[in-house]
């Protein structure tokens, strides 16, 4: 059975280094949000990814199944990503757990914007 990872609608951008950075809400409680407003602290956090997770992020566009993503990551990173199946599967699972990626059973089965944030 094919599974197609697709990025959720989150704010992200490509840094000058070529790596991806996602911007996540801090999910503050009402009291924390009030304190943040008073102190002027941000209610979001920016998380830059390393080269491998950045490449994986770009590949998870809903058009490639997990097998083809694994093959592409292996071709890009060779021994550096060994064992490729385990590392890619674990990374996809972490993205899903963080709510950054959704899994579908059908190619292109999503109706939201997966592109980078417009600055």
N, C-alpha and C. Protein backbone atom coordinates (compact mmCIF):
# COMPACT_ATOMS: atom_id res chain seq x y z
N UNK A 1 0.84 -1.17 0.00
CA UNK A 1 0.00 0.00 0.00
C UNK A 1 0.89 1.25 0.00
N UNK A 2 0.53 2.22 -0.82
CA UNK A 2 1.30 3.45 -0.89
C UNK A 2 0.83 4.45 0.16
N UNK A 3 1.78 5.14 0.75
CA UNK A 3 1.49 6.23 1.67
C UNK A 3 2.25 7.44 1.16
N UNK A 4 1.53 8.57 1.07
CA UNK A 4 2.08 9.81 0.54
C UNK A 4 2.17 10.85 1.64
N UNK A 5 3.38 11.18 2.13
CA UNK A 5 3.53 12.24 3.11
C UNK A 5 3.34 13.60 2.44
N UNK A 6 2.62 14.49 3.12
CA UNK A 6 2.40 15.83 2.60
C UNK A 6 2.54 16.85 3.74
N UNK A 7 3.26 17.92 3.46
CA UNK A 7 3.44 18.97 4.45
C UNK A 7 2.09 19.55 4.84
N UNK A 8 1.92 19.83 6.12
CA UNK A 8 0.71 20.51 6.57
C UNK A 8 0.86 22.00 6.27
N UNK A 9 -0.21 22.72 6.42
CA UNK A 9 -0.18 24.15 6.15
C UNK A 9 0.47 24.86 7.34
N UNK A 10 1.79 24.95 7.28
CA UNK A 10 2.57 25.63 8.31
C UNK A 10 3.45 26.67 7.64
N UNK A 11 3.84 27.66 8.42
CA UNK A 11 4.72 28.69 7.89
C UNK A 11 6.14 28.15 7.80
N UNK A 12 6.74 28.25 6.63
CA UNK A 12 8.12 27.80 6.45
C UNK A 12 8.78 28.59 5.33
N UNK A 13 10.09 28.58 5.37
CA UNK A 13 10.86 29.30 4.37
C UNK A 13 12.19 28.60 4.14
N UNK A 14 12.82 28.91 3.03
CA UNK A 14 14.15 28.39 2.74
C UNK A 14 15.17 29.46 3.12
N UNK A 15 16.12 29.09 3.97
CA UNK A 15 17.17 30.01 4.41
C UNK A 15 18.24 30.15 3.33
N UNK A 16 19.10 31.14 3.47
CA UNK A 16 20.19 31.33 2.51
C UNK A 16 21.07 30.10 2.38
N UNK A 17 21.18 29.34 3.45
CA UNK A 17 22.00 28.13 3.46
C UNK A 17 21.38 27.01 2.63
N UNK A 18 20.11 27.20 2.24
CA UNK A 18 19.39 26.15 1.52
C UNK A 18 18.58 25.27 2.43
N UNK A 19 18.75 25.44 3.74
CA UNK A 19 18.00 24.66 4.72
C UNK A 19 16.62 25.28 4.93
N UNK A 20 15.71 24.48 5.44
CA UNK A 20 14.34 24.90 5.70
C UNK A 20 14.20 25.36 7.15
N UNK A 21 13.38 26.38 7.37
CA UNK A 21 13.06 26.85 8.72
C UNK A 21 11.54 26.92 8.84
N UNK A 22 10.99 26.25 9.84
CA UNK A 22 9.55 26.32 10.09
C UNK A 22 9.30 27.25 11.27
N UNK A 23 8.16 27.90 11.24
CA UNK A 23 7.76 28.79 12.33
C UNK A 23 6.54 28.16 13.00
N UNK A 24 6.66 27.90 14.29
CA UNK A 24 5.61 27.21 15.04
C UNK A 24 5.06 28.11 16.14
N UNK A 25 3.75 28.07 16.34
CA UNK A 25 3.14 28.77 17.47
C UNK A 25 3.56 28.07 18.76
N UNK A 26 3.72 28.85 19.82
CA UNK A 26 4.13 28.28 21.11
C UNK A 26 2.96 27.64 21.86
N UNK A 27 1.72 27.83 21.41
CA UNK A 27 0.54 27.27 22.09
C UNK A 27 0.52 27.66 23.56
N UNK A 28 0.53 28.96 23.81
CA UNK A 28 0.56 29.48 25.17
C UNK A 28 -0.83 29.43 25.81
N UNK A 29 -0.82 29.28 27.13
CA UNK A 29 -2.08 29.39 27.87
C UNK A 29 -2.50 30.86 27.87
N UNK A 30 -3.71 31.15 28.33
CA UNK A 30 -4.18 32.53 28.35
C UNK A 30 -3.27 33.41 29.20
N UNK A 31 -2.84 32.90 30.32
CA UNK A 31 -1.96 33.67 31.22
C UNK A 31 -0.61 33.89 30.56
N UNK A 32 -0.05 32.84 29.96
CA UNK A 32 1.24 32.96 29.28
C UNK A 32 1.16 33.96 28.12
N UNK A 33 0.05 33.92 27.38
CA UNK A 33 -0.13 34.83 26.25
C UNK A 33 -0.19 36.28 26.75
N UNK A 34 -0.87 36.49 27.88
CA UNK A 34 -0.98 37.84 28.44
C UNK A 34 0.40 38.34 28.88
N UNK A 35 1.18 37.49 29.55
CA UNK A 35 2.53 37.85 29.97
C UNK A 35 3.40 38.13 28.75
N UNK A 36 3.27 37.31 27.71
CA UNK A 36 4.04 37.51 26.49
C UNK A 36 3.71 38.86 25.85
N UNK A 37 2.42 39.23 25.83
CA UNK A 37 2.03 40.53 25.28
C UNK A 37 2.63 41.67 26.09
N UNK A 38 2.57 41.56 27.41
CA UNK A 38 3.10 42.61 28.29
C UNK A 38 4.61 42.77 28.10
N UNK A 39 5.30 41.63 28.04
CA UNK A 39 6.77 41.66 27.90
C UNK A 39 7.24 41.83 26.46
N UNK A 40 6.32 41.69 25.54
CA UNK A 40 6.68 41.82 24.13
C UNK A 40 7.47 40.65 23.58
N UNK A 41 7.32 39.49 24.20
CA UNK A 41 8.03 38.30 23.72
C UNK A 41 7.24 37.63 22.60
N UNK A 42 7.92 36.96 21.70
CA UNK A 42 7.23 36.32 20.58
C UNK A 42 6.36 35.15 21.06
N UNK A 43 5.29 34.92 20.33
CA UNK A 43 4.39 33.80 20.63
C UNK A 43 4.64 32.65 19.66
N UNK A 44 5.77 32.69 18.99
CA UNK A 44 6.14 31.65 18.04
C UNK A 44 7.62 31.33 18.21
N UNK A 45 8.03 30.21 17.64
CA UNK A 45 9.43 29.81 17.66
C UNK A 45 9.83 29.37 16.25
N UNK A 46 11.02 29.74 15.86
CA UNK A 46 11.55 29.35 14.55
C UNK A 46 12.47 28.15 14.73
N UNK A 47 12.25 27.11 13.94
CA UNK A 47 13.04 25.89 14.03
C UNK A 47 13.73 25.60 12.70
N UNK A 48 15.03 25.84 12.61
CA UNK A 48 15.74 25.49 11.38
C UNK A 48 16.01 23.99 11.35
N UNK A 49 16.00 23.44 10.15
CA UNK A 49 16.28 22.01 9.96
C UNK A 49 17.69 21.83 9.42
N UNK A 50 18.22 20.63 9.60
CA UNK A 50 19.52 20.31 9.00
C UNK A 50 19.32 20.00 7.52
N UNK A 51 20.41 19.74 6.81
CA UNK A 51 20.35 19.49 5.36
C UNK A 51 19.45 18.31 5.00
N UNK A 52 19.59 17.21 5.75
CA UNK A 52 18.82 16.01 5.40
C UNK A 52 17.32 16.21 5.63
N UNK A 53 16.94 16.77 6.79
CA UNK A 53 15.53 16.99 7.05
C UNK A 53 14.96 18.06 6.12
N UNK A 54 15.78 19.01 5.72
CA UNK A 54 15.34 20.02 4.75
C UNK A 54 15.03 19.36 3.41
N UNK A 55 15.90 18.47 2.97
CA UNK A 55 15.67 17.75 1.70
C UNK A 55 14.42 16.89 1.81
N UNK A 56 14.26 16.22 2.94
CA UNK A 56 13.07 15.40 3.17
C UNK A 56 11.81 16.26 3.14
N UNK A 57 11.86 17.42 3.79
CA UNK A 57 10.72 18.34 3.84
C UNK A 57 10.25 18.70 2.42
N UNK A 58 11.19 19.03 1.57
CA UNK A 58 10.86 19.42 0.20
C UNK A 58 10.22 18.25 -0.56
N UNK A 59 10.72 17.05 -0.31
CA UNK A 59 10.19 15.86 -1.02
C UNK A 59 8.78 15.49 -0.57
N UNK A 60 8.38 15.89 0.62
CA UNK A 60 7.06 15.50 1.15
C UNK A 60 5.99 16.48 0.64
N UNK A 61 5.72 16.39 -0.66
CA UNK A 61 4.79 17.32 -1.29
C UNK A 61 3.49 16.65 -1.74
N UNK A 62 3.27 15.42 -1.30
CA UNK A 62 2.04 14.71 -1.63
C UNK A 62 2.07 14.02 -2.99
N UNK A 63 3.18 14.15 -3.72
CA UNK A 63 3.26 13.51 -5.04
C UNK A 63 4.13 12.26 -5.01
N UNK A 64 4.89 12.07 -3.94
CA UNK A 64 5.82 10.94 -3.84
C UNK A 64 5.39 10.03 -2.68
N UNK A 65 5.44 8.74 -2.92
CA UNK A 65 5.16 7.81 -1.83
C UNK A 65 6.44 7.62 -1.01
N UNK A 66 6.30 6.97 0.13
CA UNK A 66 7.43 6.80 1.04
C UNK A 66 8.59 6.09 0.35
N UNK A 67 8.31 5.07 -0.44
CA UNK A 67 9.37 4.32 -1.13
C UNK A 67 10.17 5.24 -2.04
N UNK A 68 9.51 6.08 -2.84
CA UNK A 68 10.25 6.96 -3.75
C UNK A 68 11.02 8.03 -2.98
N UNK A 69 10.50 8.47 -1.84
CA UNK A 69 11.23 9.43 -1.01
C UNK A 69 12.49 8.79 -0.45
N UNK A 70 12.38 7.55 0.01
CA UNK A 70 13.55 6.83 0.53
C UNK A 70 14.60 6.69 -0.57
N UNK A 71 14.17 6.33 -1.77
CA UNK A 71 15.11 6.18 -2.89
C UNK A 71 15.80 7.50 -3.22
N UNK A 72 15.05 8.59 -3.22
CA UNK A 72 15.63 9.91 -3.53
C UNK A 72 16.61 10.34 -2.44
N UNK A 73 16.25 10.13 -1.18
CA UNK A 73 17.14 10.50 -0.07
C UNK A 73 18.42 9.67 -0.13
N UNK A 74 18.30 8.40 -0.47
CA UNK A 74 19.48 7.54 -0.61
C UNK A 74 20.38 8.05 -1.74
N UNK A 75 19.78 8.45 -2.85
CA UNK A 75 20.55 8.96 -3.98
C UNK A 75 21.25 10.28 -3.63
N UNK A 76 20.60 11.13 -2.83
CA UNK A 76 21.17 12.42 -2.47
C UNK A 76 22.28 12.32 -1.42
N UNK A 77 22.09 11.41 -0.44
CA UNK A 77 22.98 11.41 0.72
C UNK A 77 23.82 10.14 0.88
N UNK A 78 23.58 9.13 0.07
CA UNK A 78 24.39 7.90 0.07
C UNK A 78 24.62 7.36 1.48
N UNK A 79 25.87 7.10 1.82
CA UNK A 79 26.23 6.51 3.11
C UNK A 79 25.91 7.41 4.30
N UNK A 80 25.85 8.71 4.10
CA UNK A 80 25.60 9.65 5.19
C UNK A 80 24.24 9.44 5.84
N UNK A 81 23.30 8.81 5.11
CA UNK A 81 21.96 8.61 5.64
C UNK A 81 21.68 7.14 5.97
N UNK A 82 22.68 6.33 5.93
CA UNK A 82 22.53 4.90 6.21
C UNK A 82 22.22 4.64 7.69
N UNK A 83 21.29 3.78 8.02
CA UNK A 83 20.36 3.03 7.18
C UNK A 83 19.19 3.92 6.73
N UNK A 84 19.08 4.12 5.44
CA UNK A 84 18.17 5.11 4.86
C UNK A 84 16.70 4.84 5.20
N UNK A 85 16.25 3.59 5.10
CA UNK A 85 14.83 3.31 5.36
C UNK A 85 14.45 3.68 6.79
N UNK A 86 15.28 3.29 7.74
CA UNK A 86 15.01 3.56 9.14
C UNK A 86 15.03 5.07 9.43
N UNK A 87 16.04 5.74 8.93
CA UNK A 87 16.18 7.18 9.22
C UNK A 87 15.07 8.00 8.58
N UNK A 88 14.73 7.71 7.34
CA UNK A 88 13.66 8.46 6.67
C UNK A 88 12.31 8.16 7.34
N UNK A 89 12.05 6.90 7.64
CA UNK A 89 10.79 6.53 8.30
C UNK A 89 10.66 7.21 9.66
N UNK A 90 11.74 7.21 10.43
CA UNK A 90 11.72 7.87 11.75
C UNK A 90 11.50 9.37 11.62
N UNK A 91 12.14 9.99 10.66
CA UNK A 91 11.98 11.43 10.46
C UNK A 91 10.55 11.77 10.04
N UNK A 92 9.98 10.98 9.14
CA UNK A 92 8.59 11.21 8.73
C UNK A 92 7.68 11.07 9.94
N UNK A 93 7.90 10.04 10.75
CA UNK A 93 7.08 9.82 11.95
C UNK A 93 7.18 11.01 12.91
N UNK A 94 8.37 11.57 13.06
CA UNK A 94 8.54 12.74 13.93
C UNK A 94 7.80 13.95 13.37
N UNK A 95 7.87 14.16 12.07
CA UNK A 95 7.13 15.27 11.45
C UNK A 95 5.63 15.10 11.67
N UNK A 96 5.14 13.87 11.55
CA UNK A 96 3.72 13.60 11.78
C UNK A 96 3.36 13.88 13.24
N UNK A 97 4.18 13.40 14.17
CA UNK A 97 3.94 13.60 15.60
C UNK A 97 3.91 15.08 15.96
N UNK A 98 4.74 15.88 15.30
CA UNK A 98 4.78 17.33 15.55
C UNK A 98 3.64 18.08 14.85
N UNK A 99 2.86 17.36 14.05
CA UNK A 99 1.76 18.00 13.34
C UNK A 99 2.19 18.79 12.12
N UNK A 100 3.39 18.49 11.62
CA UNK A 100 3.91 19.21 10.46
C UNK A 100 3.65 18.50 9.14
N UNK A 101 3.35 17.20 9.21
CA UNK A 101 3.14 16.38 8.02
C UNK A 101 1.92 15.50 8.24
N UNK A 102 1.17 15.31 7.17
CA UNK A 102 0.02 14.43 7.17
C UNK A 102 0.29 13.29 6.20
N UNK A 103 -0.27 12.13 6.46
CA UNK A 103 -0.09 10.98 5.57
C UNK A 103 -1.41 10.70 4.85
N UNK A 104 -1.33 10.52 3.53
CA UNK A 104 -2.52 10.19 2.75
C UNK A 104 -2.27 8.89 1.99
N UNK A 105 -3.34 8.27 1.54
CA UNK A 105 -3.23 7.02 0.79
C UNK A 105 -3.30 7.25 -0.72
N UNK A 106 -3.59 8.50 -1.09
CA UNK A 106 -3.74 8.83 -2.50
C UNK A 106 -2.84 10.00 -2.86
N UNK A 107 -2.20 9.90 -4.00
CA UNK A 107 -1.32 10.97 -4.49
C UNK A 107 -2.12 12.27 -4.62
N UNK A 108 -1.52 13.37 -4.16
CA UNK A 108 -2.13 14.71 -4.24
C UNK A 108 -3.47 14.81 -3.52
N UNK A 109 -3.67 14.04 -2.45
CA UNK A 109 -4.93 14.04 -1.72
C UNK A 109 -4.90 15.06 -0.58
N UNK A 110 -4.86 16.34 -0.94
CA UNK A 110 -4.91 17.42 0.04
C UNK A 110 -5.43 18.67 -0.66
N UNK A 111 -5.97 19.59 0.12
CA UNK A 111 -6.54 20.81 -0.46
C UNK A 111 -6.06 22.07 0.26
N UNK A 112 -4.81 22.05 0.69
CA UNK A 112 -4.25 23.20 1.37
C UNK A 112 -2.93 23.59 0.72
N UNK A 113 -2.48 24.78 1.03
CA UNK A 113 -1.23 25.31 0.48
C UNK A 113 -0.05 24.68 1.21
N UNK A 114 0.86 24.06 0.47
CA UNK A 114 2.04 23.43 1.09
C UNK A 114 3.31 24.21 0.77
N UNK A 115 3.16 25.32 0.06
CA UNK A 115 4.33 26.08 -0.38
C UNK A 115 4.97 26.87 0.76
N UNK A 116 6.12 27.45 0.47
CA UNK A 116 6.79 28.26 1.48
C UNK A 116 6.00 29.53 1.76
N UNK A 117 6.27 30.14 2.90
CA UNK A 117 5.59 31.37 3.31
C UNK A 117 6.03 32.51 2.40
N UNK A 118 5.13 33.36 2.09
CA UNK A 118 5.44 34.54 1.27
C UNK A 118 5.87 35.65 2.24
N UNK A 119 7.07 36.17 2.01
CA UNK A 119 7.60 37.21 2.89
C UNK A 119 7.47 38.57 2.25
